[in-house]
Amino acid sequence: MMYLFILKSEAEGGFYVGNNNDPWAKLSEINSNESVETYTGKHKPWIMMSVFKINDGRLSAKQIVTFIKRHQEFNLIEKMIDPGFIPSDKLVQLERVSTDQP
């Protein structure tokens, strides 16, 4: 199962959008990584803001992440972290799940 996740940097407030089959393990990996050469490494620590299960649909996980990143200027990420956000249109295959690790 693939998930889309949104992280927020506690250091500078920026967001990171990614996809992974275990976003909670990915968050732990990102926060424990010693490297400062990547975006996530430069802006640690990160907290989990939203997690969505990616149901089968017309877009792949990578295509959805790309779509979201291209629409940052329209505050799409801020809308998606709102618990009241209901995915529609190109994001309709997303299903919100708890940010708590299962």
PDB file of N, CA and C in Angstrom:
ATOM      1  N   MET A   1       0.845  -1.166   0.000  1.00  0.00           N
ATOM      2  CA  MET A   1       0.000   0.000   0.000  1.00  0.00           C
ATOM      3  C   MET A   1       0.898   1.240   0.000  1.00  0.00           C
ATOM      4  N   MET A   2       0.539   2.205  -0.783  1.00  0.00           N
ATOM      5  CA  MET A   2       1.330   3.427  -0.897  1.00  0.00           C
ATOM      6  C   MET A   2       0.580   4.573  -0.214  1.00  0.00           C
ATOM      7  N   TYR A   3       1.361   5.435   0.434  1.00  0.00           N
ATOM      8  CA  TYR A   3       0.816   6.584   1.134  1.00  0.00           C
ATOM      9  C   TYR A   3       1.463   7.861   0.628  1.00  0.00           C
ATOM     10  N   LEU A   4       0.707   8.937   0.657  1.00  0.00           N
ATOM     11  CA  LEU A   4       1.216  10.274   0.445  1.00  0.00           C
ATOM     12  C   LEU A   4       1.282  10.909   1.824  1.00  0.00           C
ATOM     13  N   PHE A   5       2.375  11.604   2.122  1.00  0.00           N
ATOM     14  CA  PHE A   5       2.483  12.232   3.439  1.00  0.00           C
ATOM     15  C   PHE A   5       2.992  13.652   3.304  1.00  0.00           C
ATOM     16  N   ILE A   6       2.600  14.468   4.264  1.00  0.00           N
ATOM     17  CA  ILE A   6       3.019  15.866   4.308  1.00  0.00           C
ATOM     18  C   ILE A   6       3.695  16.098   5.650  1.00  0.00           C
ATOM     19  N   LEU A   7       4.951  16.545   5.583  1.00  0.00           N
ATOM     20  CA  LEU A   7       5.721  16.860   6.774  1.00  0.00           C
ATOM     21  C   LEU A   7       5.880  18.371   6.882  1.00  0.00           C
ATOM     22  N   LYS A   8       6.033  18.841   8.103  1.00  0.00           N
ATOM     23  CA  LYS A   8       6.305  20.261   8.334  1.00  0.00           C
ATOM     24  C   LYS A   8       7.598  20.379   9.135  1.00  0.00           C
ATOM     25  N   SER A   9       8.459  21.273   8.689  1.00  0.00           N
ATOM     26  CA  SER A   9       9.714  21.520   9.384  1.00  0.00           C
ATOM     27  C   SER A   9       9.446  22.347  10.635  1.00  0.00           C
ATOM     28  N   GLU A  10       9.869  21.812  11.781  1.00  0.00           N
ATOM     29  CA  GLU A  10       9.735  22.583  13.017  1.00  0.00           C
ATOM     30  C   GLU A  10      10.761  23.708  13.061  1.00  0.00           C
ATOM     31  N   ALA A  11      11.819  23.566  12.286  1.00  0.00           N
ATOM     32  CA  ALA A  11      12.884  24.564  12.283  1.00  0.00           C
ATOM     33  C   ALA A  11      12.513  25.814  11.490  1.00  0.00           C
ATOM     34  N   GLU A  12      11.879  25.645  10.318  1.00  0.00           N
ATOM     35  CA  GLU A  12      11.609  26.819   9.482  1.00  0.00           C
ATOM     36  C   GLU A  12      10.198  26.896   8.928  1.00  0.00           C
ATOM     37  N   GLY A  13       9.355  25.903   9.226  1.00  0.00           N
ATOM     38  CA  GLY A  13       7.944  25.995   8.855  1.00  0.00           C
ATOM     39  C   GLY A  13       7.588  25.535   7.463  1.00  0.00           C
ATOM     40  N   GLY A  14       8.577  25.154   6.650  1.00  0.00           N
ATOM     41  CA  GLY A  14       8.294  24.691   5.294  1.00  0.00           C
ATOM     42  C   GLY A  14       7.700  23.287   5.294  1.00  0.00           C
ATOM     43  N   PHE A  15       7.197  22.896   4.144  1.00  0.00           N
ATOM     44  CA  PHE A  15       6.566  21.583   3.995  1.00  0.00           C
ATOM     45  C   PHE A  15       7.375  20.682   3.071  1.00  0.00           C
ATOM     46  N   TYR A  16       7.209  19.398   3.283  1.00  0.00           N
ATOM     47  CA  TYR A  16       7.775  18.375   2.409  1.00  0.00           C
ATOM     48  C   TYR A  16       6.666  17.397   2.088  1.00  0.00           C
ATOM     49  N   VAL A  17       6.479  17.095   0.802  1.00  0.00           N
ATOM     50  CA  VAL A  17       5.471  16.139   0.352  1.00  0.00           C
ATOM     51  C   VAL A  17       6.194  14.944  -0.248  1.00  0.00           C
ATOM     52  N   GLY A  18       5.813  13.759   0.184  1.00  0.00           N
ATOM     53  CA  GLY A  18       6.449  12.564  -0.333  1.00  0.00           C
ATOM     54  C   GLY A  18       5.481  11.403  -0.396  1.00  0.00           C
ATOM     55  N   ASN A  19       5.957  10.293  -0.930  1.00  0.00           N
ATOM     56  CA  ASN A  19       5.159   9.077  -0.941  1.00  0.00           C
ATOM     57  C   ASN A  19       6.060   7.913  -0.545  1.00  0.00           C
ATOM     58  N   ASN A  20       5.460   6.963   0.183  1.00  0.00           N
ATOM     59  CA  ASN A  20       6.223   5.836   0.683  1.00  0.00           C
ATOM     60  C   ASN A  20       5.234   4.790   1.171  1.00  0.00           C
ATOM     61  N   ASN A  21       5.683   3.531   1.245  1.00  0.00           N
ATOM     62  CA  ASN A  21       4.789   2.490   1.757  1.00  0.00           C
ATOM     63  C   ASN A  21       4.758   2.486   3.292  1.00  0.00           C
ATOM     64  N   ASP A  22       5.668   3.221   3.937  1.00  0.00           N
ATOM     65  CA  ASP A  22       5.666   3.366   5.392  1.00  0.00           C
ATOM     66  C   ASP A  22       6.127   4.785   5.739  1.00  0.00           C
ATOM     67  N   PRO A  23       5.208   5.760   5.690  1.00  0.00           N
ATOM     68  CA  PRO A  23       5.603   7.151   5.923  1.00  0.00           C
ATOM     69  C   PRO A  23       6.141   7.411   7.323  1.00  0.00           C
ATOM     70  N   TRP A  24       5.726   6.621   8.313  1.00  0.00           N
ATOM     71  CA  TRP A  24       6.190   6.816   9.682  1.00  0.00           C
ATOM     72  C   TRP A  24       7.661   6.398   9.806  1.00  0.00           C
ATOM     73  N   ALA A  25       8.029   5.311   9.143  1.00  0.00           N
ATOM     74  CA  ALA A  25       9.447   4.903   9.118  1.00  0.00           C
ATOM     75  C   ALA A  25      10.267   5.919   8.334  1.00  0.00           C
ATOM     76  N   LYS A  26       9.699   6.444   7.257  1.00  0.00           N
ATOM     77  CA  LYS A  26      10.397   7.458   6.456  1.00  0.00           C
ATOM     78  C   LYS A  26      10.647   8.718   7.280  1.00  0.00           C
ATOM     79  N   LEU A  27       9.665   9.135   8.073  1.00  0.00           N
ATOM     80  CA  LEU A  27       9.836  10.298   8.938  1.00  0.00           C
ATOM     81  C   LEU A  27      10.969  10.057   9.931  1.00  0.00           C
ATOM     82  N   SER A  28      11.002   8.898  10.535  1.00  0.00           N
ATOM     83  CA  SER A  28      12.064   8.554  11.479  1.00  0.00           C
ATOM     84  C   SER A  28      13.430   8.575  10.789  1.00  0.00           C
ATOM     85  N   GLU A  29      13.482   8.031   9.580  1.00  0.00           N
ATOM     86  CA  GLU A  29      14.726   8.022   8.798  1.00  0.00           C
ATOM     87  C   GLU A  29      15.189   9.443   8.474  1.00  0.00           C
ATOM     88  N   ILE A  30      14.255  10.283   8.055  1.00  0.00           N
ATOM     89  CA  ILE A  30      14.581  11.669   7.707  1.00  0.00           C
ATOM     90  C   ILE A  30      15.125  12.412   8.927  1.00  0.00           C
ATOM     91  N   ASN A  31      14.458  12.254  10.073  1.00  0.00           N
ATOM     92  CA  ASN A  31      14.879  12.977  11.276  1.00  0.00           C
ATOM     93  C   ASN A  31      16.184  12.460  11.866  1.00  0.00           C
ATOM     94  N   SER A  32      16.532  11.204  11.585  1.00  0.00           N
ATOM     95  CA  SER A  32      17.765  10.651  12.145  1.00  0.00           C
ATOM     96  C   SER A  32      18.951  10.740  11.179  1.00  0.00           C
ATOM     97  N   ASN A  33      18.695  11.137   9.950  1.00  0.00           N
ATOM     98  CA  ASN A  33      19.750  11.251   8.944  1.00  0.00           C
ATOM     99  C   ASN A  33      20.705  12.387   9.319  1.00  0.00           C
ATOM    100  N   GLU A  34      21.982  12.104   9.290  1.00  0.00           N
ATOM    101  CA  GLU A  34      23.000  13.096   9.646  1.00  0.00           C
ATOM    102  C   GLU A  34      23.278  14.108   8.529  1.00  0.00           C
ATOM    103  N   SER A  35      22.910  13.780   7.296  1.00  0.00           N
ATOM    104  CA  SER A  35      23.223  14.627   6.152  1.00  0.00           C
ATOM    105  C   SER A  35      22.498  15.966   6.216  1.00  0.00           C
ATOM    106  N   VAL A  36      23.180  17.013   5.803  1.00  0.00           N
ATOM    107  CA  VAL A  36      22.552  18.328   5.669  1.00  0.00           C
ATOM    108  C   VAL A  36      22.598  18.785   4.208  1.00  0.00           C
ATOM    109  N   GLU A  37      22.817  17.828   3.316  1.00  0.00           N
ATOM    110  CA  GLU A  37      22.916  18.155   1.894  1.00  0.00           C
ATOM    111  C   GLU A  37      21.577  18.078   1.178  1.00  0.00           C
ATOM    112  N   THR A  38      20.553  17.550   1.822  1.00  0.00           N
ATOM    113  CA  THR A  38      19.235  17.440   1.207  1.00  0.00           C
ATOM    114  C   THR A  38      18.299  18.476   1.833  1.00  0.00           C
ATOM    115  N   TYR A  39      17.190  18.721   1.176  1.00  0.00           N
ATOM    116  CA  TYR A  39      16.199  19.659   1.719  1.00  0.00           C
ATOM    117  C   TYR A  39      15.741  19.209   3.098  1.00  0.00           C
ATOM    118  N   THR A  40      15.419  17.917   3.225  1.00  0.00           N
ATOM    119  CA  THR A  40      14.938  17.428   4.520  1.00  0.00           C
ATOM    120  C   THR A  40      16.042  17.471   5.571  1.00  0.00           C
ATOM    121  N   GLY A  41      17.281  17.239   5.171  1.00  0.00           N
ATOM    122  CA  GLY A  41      18.394  17.288   6.105  1.00  0.00           C
ATOM    123  C   GLY A  41      18.682  18.687   6.619  1.00  0.00           C
ATOM    124  N   LYS A  42      18.465  19.683   5.783  1.00  0.00           N
ATOM    125  CA  LYS A  42      18.752  21.065   6.150  1.00  0.00           C
ATOM    126  C   LYS A  42      17.709  21.661   7.089  1.00  0.00           C
ATOM    127  N   HIS A  43      16.510  21.085   7.104  1.00  0.00           N
ATOM    128  CA  HIS A  43      15.399  21.722   7.822  1.00  0.00           C
ATOM    129  C   HIS A  43      14.800  20.849   8.919  1.00  0.00           C
ATOM    130  N   LYS A  44      15.601  19.943   9.481  1.00  0.00           N
ATOM    131  CA  LYS A  44      15.133  19.080  10.569  1.00  0.00           C
ATOM    132  C   LYS A  44      14.921  19.892  11.839  1.00  0.00           C
ATOM    133  N   PRO A  45      14.096  19.415  12.728  1.00  0.00           N
ATOM    134  CA  PRO A  45      13.290  18.188  12.691  1.00  0.00           C
ATOM    135  C   PRO A  45      11.956  18.409  11.968  1.00  0.00           C
ATOM    136  N   TRP A  46      11.371  17.295  11.558  1.00  0.00           N
ATOM    137  CA  TRP A  46      10.109  17.292  10.828  1.00  0.00           C
ATOM    138  C   TRP A  46       9.024  16.633  11.672  1.00  0.00           C
ATOM    139  N   ILE A  47       7.779  17.103  11.480  1.00  0.00           N
ATOM    140  CA  ILE A  47       6.634  16.462  12.127  1.00  0.00           C
ATOM    141  C   ILE A  47       5.628  16.067  11.048  1.00  0.00           C
ATOM    142  N   MET A  48       4.895  14.991  11.307  1.00  0.00           N
ATOM    143  CA  MET A  48       3.883  14.497  10.372  1.00  0.00           C
ATOM    144  C   MET A  48       2.629  15.358  10.498  1.00  0.00           C
ATOM    145  N   MET A  49       2.200  15.930   9.378  1.00  0.00           N
ATOM    146  CA  MET A  49       1.003  16.776   9.374  1.00  0.00           C
ATOM    147  C   MET A  49      -0.215  16.052   8.811  1.00  0.00           C
ATOM    148  N   SER A  50      -0.024  15.286   7.735  1.00  0.00           N
ATOM    149  CA  SER A  50      -1.134  14.557   7.103  1.00  0.00           C
ATOM    150  C   SER A  50      -0.600  13.313   6.431  1.00  0.00           C
ATOM    151  N   VAL A  51      -1.442  12.283   6.433  1.00  0.00           N
ATOM    152  CA  VAL A  51      -1.133  11.044   5.725  1.00  0.00           C
ATOM    153  C   VAL A  51      -2.389  10.633   4.966  1.00  0.00           C
ATOM    154  N   PHE A  52      -2.204  10.268   3.704  1.00  0.00           N
ATOM    155  CA  PHE A  52      -3.304   9.798   2.864  1.00  0.00           C
ATOM    156  C   PHE A  52      -2.928   8.462   2.239  1.00  0.00           C
ATOM    157  N   LYS A  53      -3.828   7.517   2.309  1.00  0.00           N
ATOM    158  CA  LYS A  53      -3.657   6.274   1.570  1.00  0.00           C
ATOM    159  C   LYS A  53      -3.977   6.591   0.119  1.00  0.00           C
ATOM    160  N   ILE A  54      -3.149   6.090  -0.785  1.00  0.00           N
ATOM    161  CA  ILE A  54      -3.384   6.324  -2.212  1.00  0.00           C
ATOM    162  C   ILE A  54      -4.098   5.092  -2.765  1.00  0.00           C
ATOM    163  N   ASN A  55      -5.384   5.243  -3.025  1.00  0.00           N
ATOM    164  CA  ASN A  55      -6.170   4.146  -3.594  1.00  0.00           C
ATOM    165  C   ASN A  55      -5.874   4.029  -5.082  1.00  0.00           C
ATOM    166  N   ASP A  56      -6.146   2.876  -5.633  1.00  0.00           N
ATOM    167  CA  ASP A  56      -5.951   2.679  -7.073  1.00  0.00           C
ATOM    168  C   ASP A  56      -6.739   3.725  -7.837  1.00  0.00           C
ATOM    169  N   GLY A  57      -6.132   4.246  -8.845  1.00  0.00           N
ATOM    170  CA  GLY A  57      -6.787   5.271  -9.634  1.00  0.00           C
ATOM    171  C   GLY A  57      -5.987   5.592 -10.865  1.00  0.00           C
ATOM    172  N   ARG A  58      -6.347   6.680 -11.489  1.00  0.00           N
ATOM    173  CA  ARG A  58      -5.730   7.009 -12.770  1.00  0.00           C
ATOM    174  C   ARG A  58      -4.330   7.600 -12.629  1.00  0.00           C
ATOM    175  N   LEU A  59      -3.978   8.100 -11.434  1.00  0.00           N
ATOM    176  CA  LEU A  59      -2.661   8.696 -11.259  1.00  0.00           C
ATOM    177  C   LEU A  59      -1.807   7.845 -10.323  1.00  0.00           C
ATOM    178  N   SER A  60      -0.521   7.771 -10.613  1.00  0.00           N
ATOM    179  CA  SER A  60       0.408   7.060  -9.729  1.00  0.00           C
ATOM    180  C   SER A  60       0.754   7.960  -8.547  1.00  0.00           C
ATOM    181  N   ALA A  61       1.379   7.376  -7.541  1.00  0.00           N
ATOM    182  CA  ALA A  61       1.793   8.141  -6.369  1.00  0.00           C
ATOM    183  C   ALA A  61       2.724   9.282  -6.775  1.00  0.00           C
ATOM    184  N   LYS A  62       3.662   8.991  -7.650  1.00  0.00           N
ATOM    185  CA  LYS A  62       4.612  10.014  -8.092  1.00  0.00           C
ATOM    186  C   LYS A  62       3.904  11.156  -8.824  1.00  0.00           C
ATOM    187  N   GLN A  63       2.914  10.832  -9.641  1.00  0.00           N
ATOM    188  CA  GLN A  63       2.171  11.867 -10.359  1.00  0.00           C
ATOM    189  C   GLN A  63       1.385  12.754  -9.402  1.00  0.00           C
ATOM    190  N   ILE A  64       0.839  12.153  -8.344  1.00  0.00           N
ATOM    191  CA  ILE A  64       0.086  12.937  -7.368  1.00  0.00           C
ATOM    192  C   ILE A  64       1.022  13.885  -6.624  1.00  0.00           C
ATOM    193  N   VAL A  65       2.173  13.391  -6.190  1.00  0.00           N
ATOM    194  CA  VAL A  65       3.145  14.240  -5.488  1.00  0.00           C
ATOM    195  C   VAL A  65       3.584  15.390  -6.391  1.00  0.00           C
ATOM    196  N   THR A  66       3.864  15.104  -7.643  1.00  0.00           N
ATOM    197  CA  THR A  66       4.259  16.142  -8.597  1.00  0.00           C
ATOM    198  C   THR A  66       3.155  17.177  -8.759  1.00  0.00           C
ATOM    199  N   PHE A  67       1.915  16.731  -8.868  1.00  0.00           N
ATOM    200  CA  PHE A  67       0.768  17.643  -8.995  1.00  0.00           C
ATOM    201  C   PHE A  67       0.701  18.583  -7.789  1.00  0.00           C
ATOM    202  N   ILE A  68       0.841  18.029  -6.593  1.00  0.00           N
ATOM    203  CA  ILE A  68       0.759  18.842  -5.374  1.00  0.00           C
ATOM    204  C   ILE A  68       1.914  19.843  -5.314  1.00  0.00           C
ATOM    205  N   LYS A  69       3.110  19.400  -5.626  1.00  0.00           N
ATOM    206  CA  LYS A  69       4.266  20.297  -5.570  1.00  0.00           C
ATOM    207  C   LYS A  69       4.141  21.443  -6.572  1.00  0.00           C
ATOM    208  N   ARG A  70       3.536  21.191  -7.701  1.00  0.00           N
ATOM    209  CA  ARG A  70       3.367  22.238  -8.710  1.00  0.00           C
ATOM    210  C   ARG A  70       2.308  23.257  -8.309  1.00  0.00           C
ATOM    211  N   HIS A  71       1.454  22.908  -7.366  1.00  0.00           N
ATOM    212  CA  HIS A  71       0.376  23.803  -6.964  1.00  0.00           C
ATOM    213  C   HIS A  71       0.618  24.431  -5.601  1.00  0.00           C
ATOM    214  N   GLN A  72       1.857  24.462  -5.149  1.00  0.00           N
ATOM    215  CA  GLN A  72       2.162  25.063  -3.852  1.00  0.00           C
ATOM    216  C   GLN A  72       1.787  26.540  -3.800  1.00  0.00           C
ATOM    217  N   GLU A  73       1.909  27.209  -4.923  1.00  0.00           N
ATOM    218  CA  GLU A  73       1.613  28.630  -4.918  1.00  0.00           C
ATOM    219  C   GLU A  73       0.133  28.915  -4.655  1.00  0.00           C
ATOM    220  N   PHE A  74      -0.706  27.905  -4.788  1.00  0.00           N
ATOM    221  CA  PHE A  74      -2.137  28.057  -4.538  1.00  0.00           C
ATOM    222  C   PHE A  74      -2.518  27.538  -3.149  1.00  0.00           C
ATOM    223  N   ASN A  75      -1.514  27.337  -2.302  1.00  0.00           N
ATOM    224  CA  ASN A  75      -1.752  26.907  -0.926  1.00  0.00           C
ATOM    225  C   ASN A  75      -2.448  25.548  -0.830  1.00  0.00           C
ATOM    226  N   LEU A  76      -2.224  24.682  -1.806  1.00  0.00           N
ATOM    227  CA  LEU A  76      -2.842  23.362  -1.780  1.00  0.00           C
ATOM    228  C   LEU A  76      -2.389  22.560  -0.566  1.00  0.00           C
ATOM    229  N   ILE A  77      -1.133  22.644  -0.222  1.00  0.00           N
ATOM    230  CA  ILE A  77      -0.638  21.879   0.930  1.00  0.00           C
ATOM    231  C   ILE A  77      -1.324  22.344   2.214  1.00  0.00           C
ATOM    232  N   GLU A  78      -1.469  23.639   2.398  1.00  0.00           N
ATOM    233  CA  GLU A  78      -2.151  24.147   3.583  1.00  0.00           C
ATOM    234  C   GLU A  78      -3.591  23.647   3.641  1.00  0.00           C
ATOM    235  N   LYS A  79      -4.236  23.563   2.491  1.00  0.00           N
ATOM    236  CA  LYS A  79      -5.603  23.030   2.453  1.00  0.00           C
ATOM    237  C   LYS A  79      -5.617  21.551   2.814  1.00  0.00           C
ATOM    238  N   MET A  80      -4.623  20.811   2.319  1.00  0.00           N
ATOM    239  CA  MET A  80      -4.605  19.366   2.548  1.00  0.00           C
ATOM    240  C   MET A  80      -4.342  18.997   4.008  1.00  0.00           C
ATOM    241  N   ILE A  81      -3.626  19.825   4.750  1.00  0.00           N
ATOM    242  CA  ILE A  81      -3.372  19.487   6.153  1.00  0.00           C
ATOM    243  C   ILE A  81      -4.562  19.833   7.047  1.00  0.00           C
ATOM    244  N   ASP A  82      -5.522  20.569   6.522  1.00  0.00           N
ATOM    245  CA  ASP A  82      -6.753  20.858   7.256  1.00  0.00           C
ATOM    246  C   ASP A  82      -7.561  19.562   7.380  1.00  0.00           C
ATOM    247  N   PRO A  83      -7.936  19.162   8.604  1.00  0.00           N
ATOM    248  CA  PRO A  83      -8.697  17.923   8.783  1.00  0.00           C
ATOM    249  C   PRO A  83     -10.010  17.888   8.006  1.00  0.00           C
ATOM    250  N   GLY A  84     -10.547  19.045   7.635  1.00  0.00           N
ATOM    251  CA  GLY A  84     -11.794  19.101   6.883  1.00  0.00           C
ATOM    252  C   GLY A  84     -11.623  18.962   5.375  1.00  0.00           C
ATOM    253  N   PHE A  85     -10.375  18.858   4.920  1.00  0.00           N
ATOM    254  CA  PHE A  85     -10.109  18.753   3.482  1.00  0.00           C
ATOM    255  C   PHE A  85     -10.703  17.464   2.925  1.00  0.00           C
ATOM    256  N   ILE A  86     -11.439  17.592   1.825  1.00  0.00           N
ATOM    257  CA  ILE A  86     -12.008  16.438   1.135  1.00  0.00           C
ATOM    258  C   ILE A  86     -11.382  16.385  -0.260  1.00  0.00           C
ATOM    259  N   PRO A  87     -10.588  15.338  -0.527  1.00  0.00           N
ATOM    260  CA  PRO A  87      -9.937  15.228  -1.838  1.00  0.00           C
ATOM    261  C   PRO A  87     -10.961  15.139  -2.977  1.00  0.00           C
ATOM    262  N   SER A  88     -10.668  15.844  -4.051  1.00  0.00           N
ATOM    263  CA  SER A  88     -11.534  15.808  -5.229  1.00  0.00           C
ATOM    264  C   SER A  88     -10.669  15.957  -6.474  1.00  0.00           C
ATOM    265  N   ASP A  89     -11.304  15.872  -7.624  1.00  0.00           N
ATOM    266  CA  ASP A  89     -10.631  16.030  -8.911  1.00  0.00           C
ATOM    267  C   ASP A  89      -9.435  15.083  -9.001  1.00  0.00           C
ATOM    268  N   LYS A  90      -8.237  15.588  -9.244  1.00  0.00           N
ATOM    269  CA  LYS A  90      -7.057  14.728  -9.409  1.00  0.00           C
ATOM    270  C   LYS A  90      -6.624  14.055  -8.115  1.00  0.00           C
ATOM    271  N   LEU A  91      -7.132  14.509  -6.995  1.00  0.00           N
ATOM    272  CA  LEU A  91      -6.754  13.943  -5.701  1.00  0.00           C
ATOM    273  C   LEU A  91      -7.828  13.014  -5.130  1.00  0.00           C
ATOM    274  N   VAL A  92      -8.835  12.713  -5.913  1.00  0.00           N
ATOM    275  CA  VAL A  92      -9.979  11.948  -5.409  1.00  0.00           C
ATOM    276  C   VAL A  92      -9.588  10.562  -4.893  1.00  0.00           C
ATOM    277  N   GLN A  93      -8.495  10.005  -5.357  1.00  0.00           N
ATOM    278  CA  GLN A  93      -8.105   8.672  -4.907  1.00  0.00           C
ATOM    279  C   GLN A  93      -7.375   8.674  -3.562  1.00  0.00           C
ATOM    280  N   LEU A  94      -7.217   9.855  -2.951  1.00  0.00           N
ATOM    281  CA  LEU A  94      -6.588   9.937  -1.639  1.00  0.00           C
ATOM    282  C   LEU A  94      -7.622   9.709  -0.537  1.00  0.00           C
ATOM    283  N   GLU A  95      -7.221   8.967   0.478  1.00  0.00           N
ATOM    284  CA  GLU A  95      -8.068   8.707   1.638  1.00  0.00           C
ATOM    285  C   GLU A  95      -7.262   9.034   2.894  1.00  0.00           C
ATOM    286  N   ARG A  96      -7.731  10.010   3.670  1.00  0.00           N
ATOM    287  CA  ARG A  96      -6.995  10.434   4.867  1.00  0.00           C
ATOM    288  C   ARG A  96      -6.936   9.297   5.875  1.00  0.00           C
ATOM    289  N   VAL A  97      -5.764   9.118   6.475  1.00  0.00           N
ATOM    290  CA  VAL A  97      -5.569   8.167   7.559  1.00  0.00           C
ATOM    291  C   VAL A  97      -4.930   8.915   8.724  1.00  0.00           C
ATOM    292  N   SER A  98      -4.903   8.300   9.878  1.00  0.00           N
ATOM    293  CA  SER A  98      -4.349   8.926  11.066  1.00  0.00           C
ATOM    294  C   SER A  98      -2.863   9.205  10.894  1.00  0.00           C
ATOM    295  N   THR A  99      -2.415  10.314  11.463  1.00  0.00           N
ATOM    296  CA  THR A  99      -0.986  10.614  11.444  1.00  0.00           C
ATOM    297  C   THR A  99      -0.229   9.818  12.516  1.00  0.00           C
ATOM    298  N   ASP A 100      -0.965   9.174  13.426  1.00  0.00           N
ATOM    299  CA  ASP A 100      -0.338   8.336  14.438  1.00  0.00           C
ATOM    300  C   ASP A 100       0.150   7.049  13.786  1.00  0.00           C
ATOM    301  N   GLN A 101       1.308   6.606  14.188  1.00  0.00           N
ATOM    302  CA  GLN A 101       1.874   5.382  13.619  1.00  0.00           C
ATOM    303  C   GLN A 101       1.000   4.189  14.015  1.00  0.00           C
ATOM    304  N   PRO A 102       0.656   3.354  13.018  1.00  0.00           N
ATOM    305  CA  PRO A 102      -0.193   2.193  13.329  1.00  0.00           C
ATOM    306  C   PRO A 102       0.517   1.168  14.195  1.00  0.00           C
TER     307      PRO A 102
END
